[in-house]
Amino acid sequence: MKLQQLRYLREIAKQKLNLSKAANALHTSQPGVSRQIQLLEQELGVEIFTRHGKRLTSITQPGLAILETAQRMLQDADNLKKIGNEFNDKESGTFVIATTHTQARYVLPPVIKRFIERHPKIRLSLRQGSPIEISTWVSSGEADLAIATEAIELFDELVMLPCYEWNRCVVVPPRHPLLQLKELTLESIAQYTIITYDFAFTGRSKINQAFESRGLKPNVVLTALDADVIKTYVEIGLGVGILAKMAFDPARDKKLRAIDAAHLFEPSTTRIGICRNSYIRHYIYDFIEMFATHLDTETINRLLRNPEN
């Protein structure tokens, strides 16, 4: 049995049994992938996949157990490399952060600046995507940690580290009627067309829940993946925007006005998601504490051991 065979197995599952896509991702040939999987099945004495001709159609019951074990073995192999790197060269390494646009654009810049100043030899990479995408990247080992508000809890292999709470604001053009109200209400917002986040992003479910609890059906005319797009369309008068308060900067957003809406929506919590049982290098501990000062090394390790506490 070879680690290469286990990597092939993992990639086939990741590509939803598409051998051609798996081979492309692995930079090898499709017949080579098929042959290695067949050799693994012969060695183990069980079929990992059911087949229809040359096409894989499903993972067998023993195949699911083998895949789960293979993923653990590959993670352990990766951990061994990280341990070696930690003790051979503490000041060098790679660090991939998977996060959403809002976090990357509005929250992370000062943290990233401090981190690079402290660890100048670390090759840092930011990957932006939806909460589901970034959680998947961490789960598959393509990223070291995820920073998001939603979706991390959908991945059993990820441990969630709570970082901070935040809420929302309503953005409108200058002289908009909502600016004249003594108190902003959901009913008043619902009188206008609304531009807000795509459902998978940045606490969108909390927005929906708030309107539904009042029996209101907001007219959402446009959804977007990031706050900058939302603000652009508010500027041209397409509607009022609902976005994370952290995403409004009066110095930059001079053509817009923000109205605090924290009293209308339940707060959301931004979390770090990290793979259970992964080896954490010292500079990743540093980054997490820079991002959320209450998450020191002892606290992180305690949460990794007992995520429910």
Protein backbone atom coordinates (compact mmCIF):
# COMPACT_ATOMS: atom_id res chain seq x y z
CA MET A 1 0.00 0.00 0.00
CA LYS A 2 1.31 3.44 -0.97
CA LEU A 3 0.37 6.91 0.16
CA GLN A 4 0.03 7.79 -3.51
CA GLN A 5 -2.82 5.28 -3.83
CA LEU A 6 -4.56 6.86 -0.86
CA ARG A 7 -4.17 10.32 -2.41
CA TYR A 8 -5.75 8.99 -5.59
CA LEU A 9 -8.61 7.55 -3.57
CA ARG A 10 -9.17 10.84 -1.75
CA GLU A 11 -9.13 12.84 -4.97
CA ILE A 12 -11.62 10.52 -6.69
CA ALA A 13 -14.04 11.01 -3.80
CA LYS A 14 -13.43 14.77 -3.87
CA GLN A 15 -14.19 14.87 -7.61
CA LYS A 16 -17.43 12.92 -7.05
CA LEU A 17 -16.10 9.76 -8.71
CA ASN A 18 -15.09 11.55 -11.91
CA LEU A 19 -11.86 9.80 -12.88
CA SER A 20 -10.98 12.31 -15.57
CA LYS A 21 -11.22 15.28 -13.19
CA ALA A 22 -9.31 13.37 -10.51
CA ALA A 23 -6.50 12.56 -12.94
CA ASN A 24 -6.29 16.20 -14.05
CA ALA A 25 -6.15 17.40 -10.44
CA LEU A 26 -3.41 14.87 -9.70
CA HIS A 27 -1.48 15.74 -12.89
CA THR A 28 -1.44 12.15 -14.06
CA SER A 29 -3.30 9.91 -16.51
CA GLN A 30 -6.74 8.44 -16.00
CA PRO A 31 -5.56 4.85 -16.74
CA GLY A 32 -2.81 5.33 -14.15
CA VAL A 33 -5.33 6.37 -11.49
CA SER A 34 -7.61 3.45 -12.34
CA ARG A 35 -4.72 0.99 -12.18
CA GLN A 36 -3.55 2.19 -8.76
CA ILE A 37 -7.07 1.92 -7.34
CA GLN A 38 -7.41 -1.59 -8.72
CA LEU A 39 -4.09 -2.56 -7.11
CA LEU A 40 -5.29 -1.14 -3.79
CA GLU A 41 -8.54 -3.10 -4.04
CA GLN A 42 -6.60 -6.29 -4.80
CA GLU A 43 -4.32 -5.76 -1.84
CA LEU A 44 -7.22 -5.10 0.54
CA GLY A 45 -9.40 -7.84 -0.90
CA VAL A 46 -12.52 -5.66 -1.25
CA GLU A 47 -14.08 -3.43 -3.87
CA ILE A 48 -13.89 0.23 -2.93
CA PHE A 49 -16.15 1.36 -5.79
CA THR A 50 -19.07 -0.09 -7.69
CA ARG A 51 -18.66 0.20 -11.44
CA HIS A 52 -20.73 0.36 -14.60
CA GLY A 53 -18.26 -0.52 -17.32
CA LYS A 54 -15.27 1.77 -16.77
CA ARG A 55 -17.33 4.36 -14.92
CA LEU A 56 -17.39 4.56 -11.12
CA THR A 57 -20.97 4.81 -9.86
CA SER A 58 -20.74 4.75 -6.07
CA ILE A 59 -18.52 4.01 -3.07
CA THR A 60 -19.17 0.66 -1.43
CA GLN A 61 -19.77 0.25 2.29
CA PRO A 62 -16.24 -1.05 2.95
CA GLY A 63 -15.02 1.66 0.58
CA LEU A 64 -16.48 4.36 2.83
CA ALA A 65 -14.61 2.94 5.82
CA ILE A 66 -11.40 2.70 3.77
CA LEU A 67 -11.80 6.29 2.56
CA GLU A 68 -12.26 7.56 6.11
CA THR A 69 -9.13 5.74 7.27
CA ALA A 70 -7.17 6.88 4.20
CA GLN A 71 -8.05 10.51 4.94
CA ARG A 72 -6.80 10.12 8.52
CA MET A 73 -3.57 8.48 7.30
CA LEU A 74 -2.94 11.27 4.81
CA GLN A 75 -3.57 13.88 7.48
CA ASP A 76 -1.15 12.08 9.80
CA ALA A 77 1.45 12.01 7.03
CA ASP A 78 0.96 15.74 6.53
CA ASN A 79 1.27 16.26 10.29
CA LEU A 80 4.61 14.40 10.29
CA LYS A 81 5.93 16.78 7.63
CA LYS A 82 4.74 19.78 9.64
CA ILE A 83 6.42 18.47 12.81
CA GLY A 84 9.68 18.01 10.92
CA ASN A 85 9.44 21.52 9.47
CA GLU A 86 8.59 22.98 12.89
CA PHE A 87 11.79 21.67 14.46
CA ASN A 88 14.10 21.99 11.46
CA ASP A 89 13.18 25.52 10.42
CA LYS A 90 10.81 27.34 12.75
CA GLU A 91 10.86 30.59 10.81
CA SER A 92 9.95 29.25 7.36
CA GLY A 93 6.84 27.60 6.03
CA THR A 94 3.55 28.14 4.23
CA PHE A 95 0.24 29.32 5.62
CA VAL A 96 -3.01 29.27 3.63
CA ILE A 97 -5.98 31.19 5.04
CA ALA A 98 -9.38 30.53 3.47
CA THR A 99 -11.91 33.27 4.08
CA THR A 100 -14.74 35.37 2.69
CA HIS A 101 -14.41 38.71 0.93
CA THR A 102 -15.74 40.64 3.93
CA GLN A 103 -13.13 39.20 6.28
CA ALA A 104 -10.29 39.56 3.75
CA ARG A 105 -11.21 43.11 2.81
CA TYR A 106 -12.37 44.69 6.08
CA VAL A 107 -11.10 42.68 9.05
CA LEU A 108 -7.87 40.93 8.15
CA PRO A 109 -5.59 43.69 6.75
CA PRO A 110 -4.18 44.92 10.10
CA VAL A 111 -3.84 41.34 11.35
CA ILE A 112 -2.05 40.25 8.18
CA LYS A 113 0.28 43.25 8.44
CA ARG A 114 1.25 42.38 12.02
CA PHE A 115 1.68 38.71 11.14
CA ILE A 116 4.02 39.42 8.19
CA GLU A 117 6.06 41.82 10.31
CA ARG A 118 6.50 39.10 12.95
CA HIS A 119 6.98 36.19 10.52
CA PRO A 120 8.54 37.64 7.34
CA LYS A 121 9.72 34.27 6.02
CA ILE A 122 6.30 32.61 6.05
CA ARG A 123 4.69 32.34 2.61
CA LEU A 124 1.16 33.53 3.27
CA SER A 125 -1.74 32.95 0.90
CA LEU A 126 -5.33 34.20 1.10
CA ARG A 127 -8.00 32.17 -0.68
CA GLN A 128 -11.43 33.77 -0.94
CA GLY A 129 -14.66 31.89 -1.44
CA SER A 130 -18.06 31.12 -0.03
CA PRO A 131 -18.30 29.66 3.50
CA ILE A 132 -18.93 26.20 2.01
CA GLU A 133 -15.94 26.50 -0.32
CA ILE A 134 -13.51 27.67 2.33
CA SER A 135 -14.62 25.00 4.79
CA THR A 136 -14.14 22.38 2.08
CA TRP A 137 -10.60 23.65 1.40
CA VAL A 138 -9.67 23.23 5.05
CA SER A 139 -11.34 19.84 5.26
CA SER A 140 -9.37 18.61 2.23
CA GLY A 141 -6.07 20.03 3.46
CA GLU A 142 -5.86 22.76 0.79
CA ALA A 143 -5.95 25.46 3.47
CA ASP A 144 -4.78 25.60 7.08
CA LEU A 145 -7.78 27.39 8.55
CA ALA A 146 -11.08 28.98 7.58
CA ILE A 147 -12.49 32.27 8.79
CA ALA A 148 -16.23 32.61 8.28
CA THR A 149 -19.55 33.20 9.96
CA GLU A 150 -21.51 30.32 8.49
CA ALA A 151 -21.12 26.74 7.21
CA ILE A 152 -18.12 25.66 9.33
CA GLU A 153 -20.51 23.79 11.63
CA LEU A 154 -21.61 21.64 8.68
CA PHE A 155 -18.21 19.92 8.60
CA ASP A 156 -17.76 17.39 11.42
CA GLU A 157 -14.02 17.23 10.85
CA LEU A 158 -13.61 20.93 11.61
CA VAL A 159 -13.43 22.44 15.09
CA MET A 160 -14.92 25.92 15.47
CA LEU A 161 -13.10 28.58 17.47
CA PRO A 162 -15.43 31.53 18.24
CA CYS A 163 -13.75 34.88 17.55
CA TYR A 164 -16.10 37.86 17.76
CA GLU A 165 -19.72 38.94 17.33
CA TRP A 166 -20.88 41.48 14.77
CA ASN A 167 -24.07 42.93 13.38
CA ARG A 168 -25.42 44.81 10.42
CA CYS A 169 -26.19 48.23 9.04
CA VAL A 170 -28.46 49.54 6.31
CA VAL A 171 -26.72 51.61 3.63
CA VAL A 172 -28.54 54.20 1.54
CA PRO A 173 -27.70 57.16 -0.69
CA PRO A 174 -27.59 60.63 0.91
CA ARG A 175 -31.02 62.24 1.57
CA HIS A 176 -32.77 58.86 1.49
CA PRO A 177 -36.12 58.89 3.42
CA LEU A 178 -34.86 56.21 5.85
CA LEU A 179 -32.33 58.73 7.16
CA GLN A 180 -35.18 60.91 8.46
CA LEU A 181 -36.67 58.22 10.73
CA LYS A 182 -36.18 58.48 14.47
CA GLU A 183 -35.90 54.69 14.68
CA LEU A 184 -35.24 52.25 11.88
CA THR A 185 -37.73 49.37 11.67
CA LEU A 186 -38.00 46.25 9.56
CA GLU A 187 -41.33 47.52 8.28
CA SER A 188 -39.72 50.70 7.01
CA ILE A 189 -36.90 48.78 5.30
CA ALA A 190 -39.42 46.43 3.66
CA GLN A 191 -40.99 49.37 1.84
CA TYR A 192 -37.93 49.52 -0.42
CA THR A 193 -36.18 47.11 -2.75
CA ILE A 194 -33.27 45.44 -0.97
CA ILE A 195 -29.76 44.45 -1.99
CA THR A 196 -27.91 42.08 0.31
CA TYR A 197 -25.64 39.06 0.53
CA ASP A 198 -26.12 35.80 -1.28
CA PHE A 199 -27.86 33.32 1.01
CA ALA A 200 -24.67 31.36 1.77
CA PHE A 201 -22.79 34.44 2.93
CA THR A 202 -22.24 36.49 6.04
CA GLY A 203 -25.19 35.81 8.25
CA ARG A 204 -27.84 36.05 5.53
CA SER A 205 -30.03 33.58 7.43
CA LYS A 206 -30.27 36.03 10.35
CA ILE A 207 -31.64 38.67 7.97
CA ASN A 208 -34.26 36.28 6.61
CA GLN A 209 -35.27 35.18 10.10
CA ALA A 210 -35.78 38.76 11.27
CA PHE A 211 -38.18 39.63 8.45
CA GLU A 212 -40.02 36.30 8.72
CA SER A 213 -40.56 36.79 12.46
CA ARG A 214 -42.52 39.97 11.65
CA GLY A 215 -44.49 38.37 8.83
CA LEU A 216 -42.67 40.46 6.23
CA LYS A 217 -41.53 39.42 2.75
CA PRO A 218 -38.73 41.77 1.70
CA ASN A 219 -38.28 42.45 -2.00
CA VAL A 220 -34.66 41.38 -2.51
CA VAL A 221 -33.90 42.47 -6.07
CA LEU A 222 -30.20 41.59 -6.07
CA THR A 223 -27.84 39.42 -4.05
CA ALA A 224 -24.08 39.58 -4.24
CA LEU A 225 -21.06 37.74 -2.93
CA ASP A 226 -19.35 40.73 -1.37
CA ALA A 227 -20.13 44.05 0.27
CA ASP A 228 -18.42 46.20 -2.36
CA VAL A 229 -20.82 44.99 -5.04
CA ILE A 230 -23.80 45.64 -2.75
CA LYS A 231 -22.63 49.20 -2.11
CA THR A 232 -22.06 49.84 -5.82
CA TYR A 233 -25.66 49.04 -6.66
CA VAL A 234 -26.98 51.03 -3.73
CA GLU A 235 -25.04 54.02 -5.05
CA ILE A 236 -26.83 53.86 -8.41
CA GLY A 237 -30.21 53.76 -6.68
CA LEU A 238 -31.21 50.14 -7.21
CA GLY A 239 -32.28 49.72 -3.58
CA VAL A 240 -31.18 49.87 0.05
CA GLY A 241 -28.36 47.63 1.17
CA ILE A 242 -28.11 45.39 4.22
CA LEU A 243 -24.55 44.41 5.02
CA ALA A 244 -22.08 43.76 7.80
CA LYS A 245 -21.42 46.97 9.73
CA MET A 246 -17.67 46.30 9.51
CA ALA A 247 -17.95 46.60 5.71
CA PHE A 248 -18.95 50.28 5.81
CA ASP A 249 -16.11 52.80 5.92
CA PRO A 250 -17.27 56.46 6.03
CA ALA A 251 -13.91 57.63 4.68
CA ARG A 252 -14.16 55.41 1.61
CA ASP A 253 -17.93 55.20 1.17
CA LYS A 254 -18.54 58.94 0.86
CA LYS A 255 -21.47 58.52 -1.52
CA LEU A 256 -23.40 56.44 1.00
CA ARG A 257 -24.79 56.74 4.51
CA ALA A 258 -25.05 53.94 7.07
CA ILE A 259 -27.85 53.41 9.58
CA ASP A 260 -27.16 51.10 12.50
CA ALA A 261 -29.46 48.04 12.40
CA ALA A 262 -28.10 46.03 15.35
CA HIS A 263 -31.47 46.34 17.15
CA LEU A 264 -33.23 44.60 14.25
CA PHE A 265 -31.10 41.49 13.74
CA GLU A 266 -29.61 38.82 15.94
CA PRO A 267 -25.81 39.14 16.13
CA SER A 268 -23.63 36.74 14.19
CA THR A 269 -20.37 35.15 15.31
CA THR A 270 -17.28 34.91 13.18
CA ARG A 271 -15.36 31.68 13.80
CA ILE A 272 -12.11 30.07 12.82
CA GLY A 273 -12.45 26.52 11.53
CA ILE A 274 -9.48 24.22 11.84
CA CYS A 275 -9.16 20.55 11.01
CA ARG A 276 -9.53 18.23 13.96
CA ASN A 277 -6.30 16.36 14.79
CA SER A 278 -4.16 18.58 12.56
CA TYR A 279 -0.72 19.64 13.75
CA ILE A 280 -0.65 23.41 14.29
CA ARG A 281 2.64 25.17 13.70
CA HIS A 282 3.64 27.93 16.12
CA TYR A 283 3.04 30.76 13.66
CA ILE A 284 -0.57 29.63 13.13
CA TYR A 285 -1.12 29.86 16.88
CA ASP A 286 0.32 33.39 16.66
CA PHE A 287 -2.03 34.35 13.85
CA ILE A 288 -5.11 33.06 15.66
CA GLU A 289 -4.25 35.05 18.79
CA MET A 290 -3.65 38.18 16.70
CA PHE A 291 -7.07 37.75 15.12
CA ALA A 292 -8.88 36.95 18.39
CA THR A 293 -6.84 37.89 21.46
CA HIS A 294 -8.78 35.59 23.80
CA LEU A 295 -7.64 32.56 21.78
CA ASP A 296 -4.19 31.93 23.22
CA THR A 297 -2.38 28.62 22.69
CA GLU A 298 -3.77 27.03 25.85
CA THR A 299 -7.34 28.01 24.98
CA ILE A 300 -6.99 26.80 21.39
CA ASN A 301 -5.68 23.41 22.51
CA ARG A 302 -8.47 23.07 25.07
CA LEU A 303 -11.11 23.83 22.43
CA LEU A 304 -9.52 21.38 20.02
CA ARG A 305 -9.63 18.65 22.65
CA ASN A 306 -13.12 19.55 23.89
CA PRO A 307 -14.91 21.51 21.16
CA GLU A 308 -18.21 21.50 23.05
CA ASN A 309 -16.75 23.47 26.00
